[in-house]
Amino acid sequence: AFNQTSDNWLKAQDLAVTFLDRYGTEVGRR
């Protein structure tokens, strides 16, 4: 269990990303 942790465990979580197309229009999120 403790091997799952690290010094940057909180920062290593997944991102929340909003994507825009080349014109600046939102096209999706991941």
PDB file of all heavy atoms in Angstrom:
ATOM      1  N   ALA A   1       0.825  -1.210   0.000  1.00  0.00           N
ATOM      2  CA  ALA A   1       0.000   0.000   0.000  1.00  0.00           C
ATOM      3  C   ALA A   1       0.855   1.255   0.000  1.00  0.00           C
ATOM      4  O   ALA A   1       0.627   2.185  -0.776  1.00  0.00           O
ATOM      5  CB  ALA A   1      -0.928  -0.013   1.213  1.00  0.00           C
ATOM      6  N   PHE A   2       1.867   1.291   0.847  1.00  0.00           N
ATOM      7  CA  PHE A   2       2.681   2.490   0.964  1.00  0.00           C
ATOM      8  C   PHE A   2       3.550   2.721  -0.266  1.00  0.00           C
ATOM      9  O   PHE A   2       3.986   3.845  -0.525  1.00  0.00           O
ATOM     10  CB  PHE A   2       3.539   2.424   2.221  1.00  0.00           C
ATOM     11  CG  PHE A   2       2.726   2.412   3.500  1.00  0.00           C
ATOM     12  CD1 PHE A   2       3.213   1.836   4.659  1.00  0.00           C
ATOM     13  CD2 PHE A   2       1.465   2.970   3.532  1.00  0.00           C
ATOM     14  CE1 PHE A   2       2.467   1.830   5.831  1.00  0.00           C
ATOM     15  CE2 PHE A   2       0.703   2.968   4.694  1.00  0.00           C
ATOM     16  CZ  PHE A   2       1.202   2.394   5.847  1.00  0.00           C
ATOM     17  N   ASN A   3       3.791   1.659  -1.034  1.00  0.00           N
ATOM     18  CA  ASN A   3       4.531   1.830  -2.281  1.00  0.00           C
ATOM     19  C   ASN A   3       3.723   2.605  -3.311  1.00  0.00           C
ATOM     20  O   ASN A   3       4.280   3.088  -4.308  1.00  0.00           O
ATOM     21  CB  ASN A   3       4.925   0.464  -2.865  1.00  0.00           C
ATOM     22  CG  ASN A   3       6.056  -0.191  -2.095  1.00  0.00           C
ATOM     23  OD1 ASN A   3       6.834   0.481  -1.402  1.00  0.00           O
ATOM     24  ND2 ASN A   3       6.169  -1.499  -2.203  1.00  0.00           N
ATOM     25  N   GLN A   4       2.396   2.705  -3.078  1.00  0.00           N
ATOM     26  CA  GLN A   4       1.545   3.462  -3.995  1.00  0.00           C
ATOM     27  C   GLN A   4       1.746   4.964  -3.833  1.00  0.00           C
ATOM     28  O   GLN A   4       1.390   5.742  -4.717  1.00  0.00           O
ATOM     29  CB  GLN A   4       0.062   3.140  -3.730  1.00  0.00           C
ATOM     30  CG  GLN A   4      -0.298   1.671  -3.795  1.00  0.00           C
ATOM     31  CD  GLN A   4      -0.365   1.152  -5.206  1.00  0.00           C
ATOM     32  OE1 GLN A   4      -0.575   1.916  -6.139  1.00  0.00           O
ATOM     33  NE2 GLN A   4      -0.176  -0.141  -5.370  1.00  0.00           N
ATOM     34  N   THR A   5       2.308   5.367  -2.720  1.00  0.00           N
ATOM     35  CA  THR A   5       2.457   6.792  -2.434  1.00  0.00           C
ATOM     36  C   THR A   5       3.828   7.271  -2.880  1.00  0.00           C
ATOM     37  O   THR A   5       4.754   6.504  -3.090  1.00  0.00           O
ATOM     38  CB  THR A   5       2.290   7.065  -0.935  1.00  0.00           C
ATOM     39  OG1 THR A   5       3.337   6.408  -0.213  1.00  0.00           O
ATOM     40  CG2 THR A   5       0.951   6.539  -0.460  1.00  0.00           C
ATOM     41  N   SER A   6       3.957   8.564  -3.016  1.00  0.00           N
ATOM     42  CA  SER A   6       5.232   9.187  -3.366  1.00  0.00           C
ATOM     43  C   SER A   6       5.212  10.612  -2.856  1.00  0.00           C
ATOM     44  O   SER A   6       4.196  11.100  -2.359  1.00  0.00           O
ATOM     45  CB  SER A   6       5.444   9.166  -4.880  1.00  0.00           C
ATOM     46  OG  SER A   6       4.426   9.906  -5.529  1.00  0.00           O
ATOM     47  N   ASP A   7       6.335  11.302  -3.004  1.00  0.00           N
ATOM     48  CA  ASP A   7       6.410  12.673  -2.502  1.00  0.00           C
ATOM     49  C   ASP A   7       5.451  13.607  -3.245  1.00  0.00           C
ATOM     50  O   ASP A   7       5.003  14.605  -2.694  1.00  0.00           O
ATOM     51  CB  ASP A   7       7.850  13.200  -2.630  1.00  0.00           C
ATOM     52  CG  ASP A   7       8.805  12.484  -1.686  1.00  0.00           C
ATOM     53  OD1 ASP A   7       8.320  11.916  -0.687  1.00  0.00           O
ATOM     54  OD2 ASP A   7      10.019  12.486  -1.959  1.00  0.00           O
ATOM     55  N   ASN A   8       5.159  13.301  -4.518  1.00  0.00           N
ATOM     56  CA  ASN A   8       4.273  14.161  -5.300  1.00  0.00           C
ATOM     57  C   ASN A   8       2.956  13.472  -5.640  1.00  0.00           C
ATOM     58  O   ASN A   8       2.373  13.686  -6.692  1.00  0.00           O
ATOM     59  CB  ASN A   8       4.979  14.598  -6.588  1.00  0.00           C
ATOM     60  CG  ASN A   8       5.242  13.433  -7.510  1.00  0.00           C
ATOM     61  OD1 ASN A   8       5.305  12.294  -7.054  1.00  0.00           O
ATOM     62  ND2 ASN A   8       5.398  13.702  -8.791  1.00  0.00           N
ATOM     63  N   TRP A   9       2.471  12.622  -4.711  1.00  0.00           N
ATOM     64  CA  TRP A   9       1.278  11.826  -4.998  1.00  0.00           C
ATOM     65  C   TRP A   9       0.067  12.677  -5.328  1.00  0.00           C
ATOM     66  O   TRP A   9      -0.751  12.341  -6.169  1.00  0.00           O
ATOM     67  CB  TRP A   9       0.961  10.908  -3.819  1.00  0.00           C
ATOM     68  CG  TRP A   9       0.589  11.648  -2.569  1.00  0.00           C
ATOM     69  CD1 TRP A   9       1.433  12.122  -1.621  1.00  0.00           C
ATOM     70  CD2 TRP A   9      -0.732  11.999  -2.141  1.00  0.00           C
ATOM     71  NE1 TRP A   9       0.735  12.744  -0.626  1.00  0.00           N
ATOM     72  CE2 TRP A   9      -0.598  12.682  -0.912  1.00  0.00           C
ATOM     73  CE3 TRP A   9      -1.992  11.798  -2.667  1.00  0.00           C
ATOM     74  CZ2 TRP A   9      -1.680  13.178  -0.211  1.00  0.00           C
ATOM     75  CZ3 TRP A   9      -3.086  12.296  -1.966  1.00  0.00           C
ATOM     76  CH2 TRP A   9      -2.921  12.970  -0.753  1.00  0.00           C
ATOM     77  N   LEU A  10      -0.055  13.837  -4.699  1.00  0.00           N
ATOM     78  CA  LEU A  10      -1.231  14.662  -4.930  1.00  0.00           C
ATOM     79  C   LEU A  10      -1.165  15.346  -6.289  1.00  0.00           C
ATOM     80  O   LEU A  10      -2.148  15.448  -7.008  1.00  0.00           O
ATOM     81  CB  LEU A  10      -1.356  15.708  -3.817  1.00  0.00           C
ATOM     82  CG  LEU A  10      -2.649  16.522  -3.796  1.00  0.00           C
ATOM     83  CD1 LEU A  10      -3.857  15.600  -3.745  1.00  0.00           C
ATOM     84  CD2 LEU A  10      -2.653  17.481  -2.623  1.00  0.00           C
ATOM     85  N   LYS A  11       0.042  15.779  -6.685  1.00  0.00           N
ATOM     86  CA  LYS A  11       0.194  16.453  -7.969  1.00  0.00           C
ATOM     87  C   LYS A  11       0.132  15.481  -9.141  1.00  0.00           C
ATOM     88  O   LYS A  11      -0.046  15.883 -10.272  1.00  0.00           O
ATOM     89  CB  LYS A  11       1.528  17.217  -8.007  1.00  0.00           C
ATOM     90  CG  LYS A  11       1.591  18.368  -7.023  1.00  0.00           C
ATOM     91  CD  LYS A  11       2.930  19.079  -7.115  1.00  0.00           C
ATOM     92  CE  LYS A  11       3.010  20.225  -6.112  1.00  0.00           C
ATOM     93  NZ  LYS A  11       4.320  20.909  -6.174  1.00  0.00           N
ATOM     94  N   ALA A  12       0.334  14.206  -8.876  1.00  0.00           N
ATOM     95  CA  ALA A  12       0.398  13.213  -9.948  1.00  0.00           C
ATOM     96  C   ALA A  12      -0.969  12.749 -10.421  1.00  0.00           C
ATOM     97  O   ALA A  12      -1.060  11.887 -11.266  1.00  0.00           O
ATOM     98  CB  ALA A  12       1.215  12.009  -9.494  1.00  0.00           C
ATOM     99  N   GLN A  13      -2.035  13.313  -9.866  1.00  0.00           N
ATOM    100  CA  GLN A  13      -3.370  12.864 -10.257  1.00  0.00           C
ATOM    101  C   GLN A  13      -3.690  13.346 -11.667  1.00  0.00           C
ATOM    102  O   GLN A  13      -3.074  14.256 -12.205  1.00  0.00           O
ATOM    103  CB  GLN A  13      -4.412  13.388  -9.265  1.00  0.00           C
ATOM    104  CG  GLN A  13      -4.169  12.917  -7.847  1.00  0.00           C
ATOM    105  CD  GLN A  13      -4.000  11.415  -7.739  1.00  0.00           C
ATOM    106  OE1 GLN A  13      -4.811  10.684  -8.272  1.00  0.00           O
ATOM    107  NE2 GLN A  13      -2.970  10.965  -7.073  1.00  0.00           N
ATOM    108  N   ASP A  14      -4.702  12.732 -12.275  1.00  0.00           N
ATOM    109  CA  ASP A  14      -5.043  13.024 -13.661  1.00  0.00           C
ATOM    110  C   ASP A  14      -5.443  14.481 -13.844  1.00  0.00           C
ATOM    111  O   ASP A  14      -5.896  15.161 -12.927  1.00  0.00           O
ATOM    112  CB  ASP A  14      -6.190  12.125 -14.116  1.00  0.00           C
ATOM    113  CG  ASP A  14      -5.730  10.704 -14.351  1.00  0.00           C
ATOM    114  OD1 ASP A  14      -4.523  10.538 -14.549  1.00  0.00           O
ATOM    115  OD2 ASP A  14      -6.569   9.797 -14.314  1.00  0.00           O
ATOM    116  N   LEU A  15      -5.296  14.916 -15.096  1.00  0.00           N
ATOM    117  CA  LEU A  15      -5.581  16.294 -15.459  1.00  0.00           C
ATOM    118  C   LEU A  15      -7.051  16.464 -15.836  1.00  0.00           C
ATOM    119  O   LEU A  15      -7.741  15.499 -16.163  1.00  0.00           O
ATOM    120  CB  LEU A  15      -4.720  16.688 -16.650  1.00  0.00           C
ATOM    121  CG  LEU A  15      -3.211  16.611 -16.459  1.00  0.00           C
ATOM    122  CD1 LEU A  15      -2.528  16.601 -17.813  1.00  0.00           C
ATOM    123  CD2 LEU A  15      -2.724  17.765 -15.627  1.00  0.00           C
ATOM    124  N   ALA A  16      -7.503  17.693 -15.823  1.00  0.00           N
ATOM    125  CA  ALA A  16      -8.801  18.063 -16.380  1.00  0.00           C
ATOM    126  C   ALA A  16      -8.515  19.055 -17.499  1.00  0.00           C
ATOM    127  O   ALA A  16      -8.052  20.156 -17.254  1.00  0.00           O
ATOM    128  CB  ALA A  16      -9.687  18.693 -15.310  1.00  0.00           C
ATOM    129  N   VAL A  17      -8.762  18.644 -18.750  1.00  0.00           N
ATOM    130  CA  VAL A  17      -8.342  19.427 -19.903  1.00  0.00           C
ATOM    131  C   VAL A  17      -9.536  19.750 -20.795  1.00  0.00           C
ATOM    132  O   VAL A  17     -10.312  18.857 -21.154  1.00  0.00           O
ATOM    133  CB  VAL A  17      -7.274  18.672 -20.728  1.00  0.00           C
ATOM    134  CG1 VAL A  17      -6.774  19.549 -21.874  1.00  0.00           C
ATOM    135  CG2 VAL A  17      -6.111  18.247 -19.841  1.00  0.00           C
ATOM    136  N   THR A  18      -9.667  21.023 -21.131  1.00  0.00           N
ATOM    137  CA  THR A  18     -10.650  21.475 -22.112  1.00  0.00           C
ATOM    138  C   THR A  18      -9.919  21.792 -23.402  1.00  0.00           C
ATOM    139  O   THR A  18      -8.946  22.546 -23.402  1.00  0.00           O
ATOM    140  CB  THR A  18     -11.386  22.727 -21.616  1.00  0.00           C
ATOM    141  OG1 THR A  18     -12.068  22.427 -20.392  1.00  0.00           O
ATOM    142  CG2 THR A  18     -12.394  23.201 -22.651  1.00  0.00           C
ATOM    143  N   PHE A  19     -10.382  21.213 -24.523  1.00  0.00           N
ATOM    144  CA  PHE A  19      -9.715  21.406 -25.803  1.00  0.00           C
ATOM    145  C   PHE A  19     -10.510  22.364 -26.683  1.00  0.00           C
ATOM    146  O   PHE A  19     -11.737  22.279 -26.775  1.00  0.00           O
ATOM    147  CB  PHE A  19      -9.556  20.064 -26.528  1.00  0.00           C
ATOM    148  CG  PHE A  19      -8.530  19.160 -25.906  1.00  0.00           C
ATOM    149  CD1 PHE A  19      -8.923  18.112 -25.090  1.00  0.00           C
ATOM    150  CD2 PHE A  19      -7.171  19.367 -26.123  1.00  0.00           C
ATOM    151  CE1 PHE A  19      -7.985  17.280 -24.514  1.00  0.00           C
ATOM    152  CE2 PHE A  19      -6.224  18.540 -25.537  1.00  0.00           C
ATOM    153  CZ  PHE A  19      -6.629  17.492 -24.728  1.00  0.00           C
ATOM    154  N   LEU A  20      -9.771  23.252 -27.343  1.00  0.00           N
ATOM    155  CA  LEU A  20     -10.339  24.187 -28.303  1.00  0.00           C
ATOM    156  C   LEU A  20      -9.782  23.872 -29.681  1.00  0.00           C
ATOM    157  O   LEU A  20      -8.654  23.380 -29.808  1.00  0.00           O
ATOM    158  CB  LEU A  20      -9.991  25.630 -27.933  1.00  0.00           C
ATOM    159  CG  LEU A  20     -10.185  26.059 -26.477  1.00  0.00           C
ATOM    160  CD1 LEU A  20      -9.718  27.498 -26.295  1.00  0.00           C
ATOM    161  CD2 LEU A  20     -11.636  25.909 -26.048  1.00  0.00           C
ATOM    162  N   ASP A  21     -10.556  24.180 -30.719  1.00  0.00           N
ATOM    163  CA  ASP A  21     -10.013  24.006 -32.065  1.00  0.00           C
ATOM    164  C   ASP A  21      -9.170  25.221 -32.430  1.00  0.00           C
ATOM    165  O   ASP A  21      -8.942  26.109 -31.605  1.00  0.00           O
ATOM    166  CB  ASP A  21     -11.130  23.752 -33.073  1.00  0.00           C
ATOM    167  CG  ASP A  21     -12.004  24.974 -33.328  1.00  0.00           C
ATOM    168  OD1 ASP A  21     -11.731  26.050 -32.760  1.00  0.00           O
ATOM    169  OD2 ASP A  21     -12.979  24.853 -34.090  1.00  0.00           O
ATOM    170  N   ARG A  22      -8.685  25.264 -33.650  1.00  0.00           N
ATOM    171  CA  ARG A  22      -7.763  26.333 -34.053  1.00  0.00           C
ATOM    172  C   ARG A  22      -8.420  27.709 -34.034  1.00  0.00           C
ATOM    173  O   ARG A  22      -7.723  28.731 -34.031  1.00  0.00           O
ATOM    174  CB  ARG A  22      -7.184  26.037 -35.434  1.00  0.00           C
ATOM    175  CG  ARG A  22      -8.206  25.964 -36.537  1.00  0.00           C
ATOM    176  CD  ARG A  22      -7.605  25.322 -37.798  1.00  0.00           C
ATOM    177  NE  ARG A  22      -6.412  26.033 -38.225  1.00  0.00           N
ATOM    178  CZ  ARG A  22      -6.413  26.967 -39.165  1.00  0.00           C
ATOM    179  NH1 ARG A  22      -7.554  27.321 -39.749  1.00  0.00           N
ATOM    180  NH2 ARG A  22      -5.301  27.551 -39.528  1.00  0.00           N
ATOM    181  N   TYR A  23      -9.766  27.752 -34.016  1.00  0.00           N
ATOM    182  CA  TYR A  23     -10.471  29.028 -33.953  1.00  0.00           C
ATOM    183  C   TYR A  23     -10.853  29.421 -32.534  1.00  0.00           C
ATOM    184  O   TYR A  23     -11.471  30.459 -32.316  1.00  0.00           O
ATOM    185  CB  TYR A  23     -11.735  28.966 -34.822  1.00  0.00           C
ATOM    186  CG  TYR A  23     -11.461  28.673 -36.271  1.00  0.00           C
ATOM    187  CD1 TYR A  23     -11.862  27.471 -36.838  1.00  0.00           C
ATOM    188  CD2 TYR A  23     -10.789  29.583 -37.069  1.00  0.00           C
ATOM    189  CE1 TYR A  23     -11.610  27.192 -38.169  1.00  0.00           C
ATOM    190  CE2 TYR A  23     -10.527  29.320 -38.401  1.00  0.00           C
ATOM    191  CZ  TYR A  23     -10.933  28.117 -38.946  1.00  0.00           C
ATOM    192  OH  TYR A  23     -10.666  27.843 -40.262  1.00  0.00           O
ATOM    193  N   GLY A  24     -10.542  28.578 -31.549  1.00  0.00           N
ATOM    194  CA  GLY A  24     -10.866  28.891 -30.167  1.00  0.00           C
ATOM    195  C   GLY A  24     -12.202  28.374 -29.705  1.00  0.00           C
ATOM    196  O   GLY A  24     -12.662  28.717 -28.604  1.00  0.00           O
ATOM    197  N   THR A  25     -12.859  27.535 -30.506  1.00  0.00           N
ATOM    198  CA  THR A  25     -14.148  26.967 -30.135  1.00  0.00           C
ATOM    199  C   THR A  25     -13.945  25.660 -29.375  1.00  0.00           C
ATOM    200  O   THR A  25     -13.151  24.815 -29.798  1.00  0.00           O
ATOM    201  CB  THR A  25     -15.001  26.689 -31.387  1.00  0.00           C
ATOM    202  OG1 THR A  25     -15.161  27.912 -32.119  1.00  0.00           O
ATOM    203  CG2 THR A  25     -16.365  26.135 -31.004  1.00  0.00           C
ATOM    204  N   GLU A  26     -14.643  25.483 -28.272  1.00  0.00           N
ATOM    205  CA  GLU A  26     -14.494  24.247 -27.501  1.00  0.00           C
ATOM    206  C   GLU A  26     -14.969  23.053 -28.316  1.00  0.00           C
ATOM    207  O   GLU A  26     -16.055  23.057 -28.879  1.00  0.00           O
ATOM    208  CB  GLU A  26     -15.290  24.328 -26.203  1.00  0.00           C
ATOM    209  CG  GLU A  26     -15.135  23.086 -25.326  1.00  0.00           C
ATOM    210  CD  GLU A  26     -15.886  23.177 -24.015  1.00  0.00           C
ATOM    211  OE1 GLU A  26     -15.995  24.294 -23.459  1.00  0.00           O
ATOM    212  OE2 GLU A  26     -16.371  22.127 -23.544  1.00  0.00           O
ATOM    213  N   VAL A  27     -14.123  22.000 -28.354  1.00  0.00           N
ATOM    214  CA  VAL A  27     -14.457  20.812 -29.129  1.00  0.00           C
ATOM    215  C   VAL A  27     -14.523  19.556 -28.276  1.00  0.00           C
ATOM    216  O   VAL A  27     -14.914  18.498 -28.765  1.00  0.00           O
ATOM    217  CB  VAL A  27     -13.439  20.597 -30.270  1.00  0.00           C
ATOM    218  CG1 VAL A  27     -13.579  21.669 -31.320  1.00  0.00           C
ATOM    219  CG2 VAL A  27     -12.020  20.541 -29.734  1.00  0.00           C
ATOM    220  N   GLY A  28     -14.158  19.629 -27.026  1.00  0.00           N
ATOM    221  CA  GLY A  28     -14.230  18.443 -26.186  1.00  0.00           C
ATOM    222  C   GLY A  28     -13.396  18.577 -24.938  1.00  0.00           C
ATOM    223  O   GLY A  28     -12.632  19.535 -24.766  1.00  0.00           O
ATOM    224  N   ARG A  29     -13.568  17.609 -24.055  1.00  0.00           N
ATOM    225  CA  ARG A  29     -12.826  17.575 -22.799  1.00  0.00           C
ATOM    226  C   ARG A  29     -12.291  16.173 -22.571  1.00  0.00           C
ATOM    227  O   ARG A  29     -12.870  15.189 -23.033  1.00  0.00           O
ATOM    228  CB  ARG A  29     -13.713  17.991 -21.626  1.00  0.00           C
ATOM    229  CG  ARG A  29     -14.230  19.419 -21.735  1.00  0.00           C
ATOM    230  CD  ARG A  29     -14.951  19.844 -20.475  1.00  0.00           C
ATOM    231  NE  ARG A  29     -15.404  21.221 -20.563  1.00  0.00           N
ATOM    232  CZ  ARG A  29     -15.897  21.901 -19.539  1.00  0.00           C
ATOM    233  NH1 ARG A  29     -16.018  21.321 -18.354  1.00  0.00           N
ATOM    234  NH2 ARG A  29     -16.294  23.139 -19.691  1.00  0.00           N
ATOM    235  N   ARG A  30     -11.193  16.115 -21.869  1.00  0.00           N
ATOM    236  CA  ARG A  30     -10.611  14.839 -21.506  1.00  0.00           C
ATOM    237  C   ARG A  30     -10.053  14.953 -20.093  1.00  0.00           C
ATOM    238  O   ARG A  30      -9.880  16.038 -19.559  1.00  0.00           O
ATOM    239  CB  ARG A  30      -9.488  14.439 -22.469  1.00  0.00           C
ATOM    240  CG  ARG A  30      -9.959  14.001 -23.848  1.00  0.00           C
ATOM    241  CD  ARG A  30     -10.766  12.725 -23.766  1.00  0.00           C
ATOM    242  NE  ARG A  30     -11.119  12.204 -25.077  1.00  0.00           N
ATOM    243  CZ  ARG A  30     -12.177  12.540 -25.762  1.00  0.00           C
ATOM    244  NH1 ARG A  30     -13.006  13.447 -25.271  1.00  0.00           N
ATOM    245  NH2 ARG A  30     -12.442  11.983 -26.929  1.00  0.00           N
TER     246      ARG A  30
END
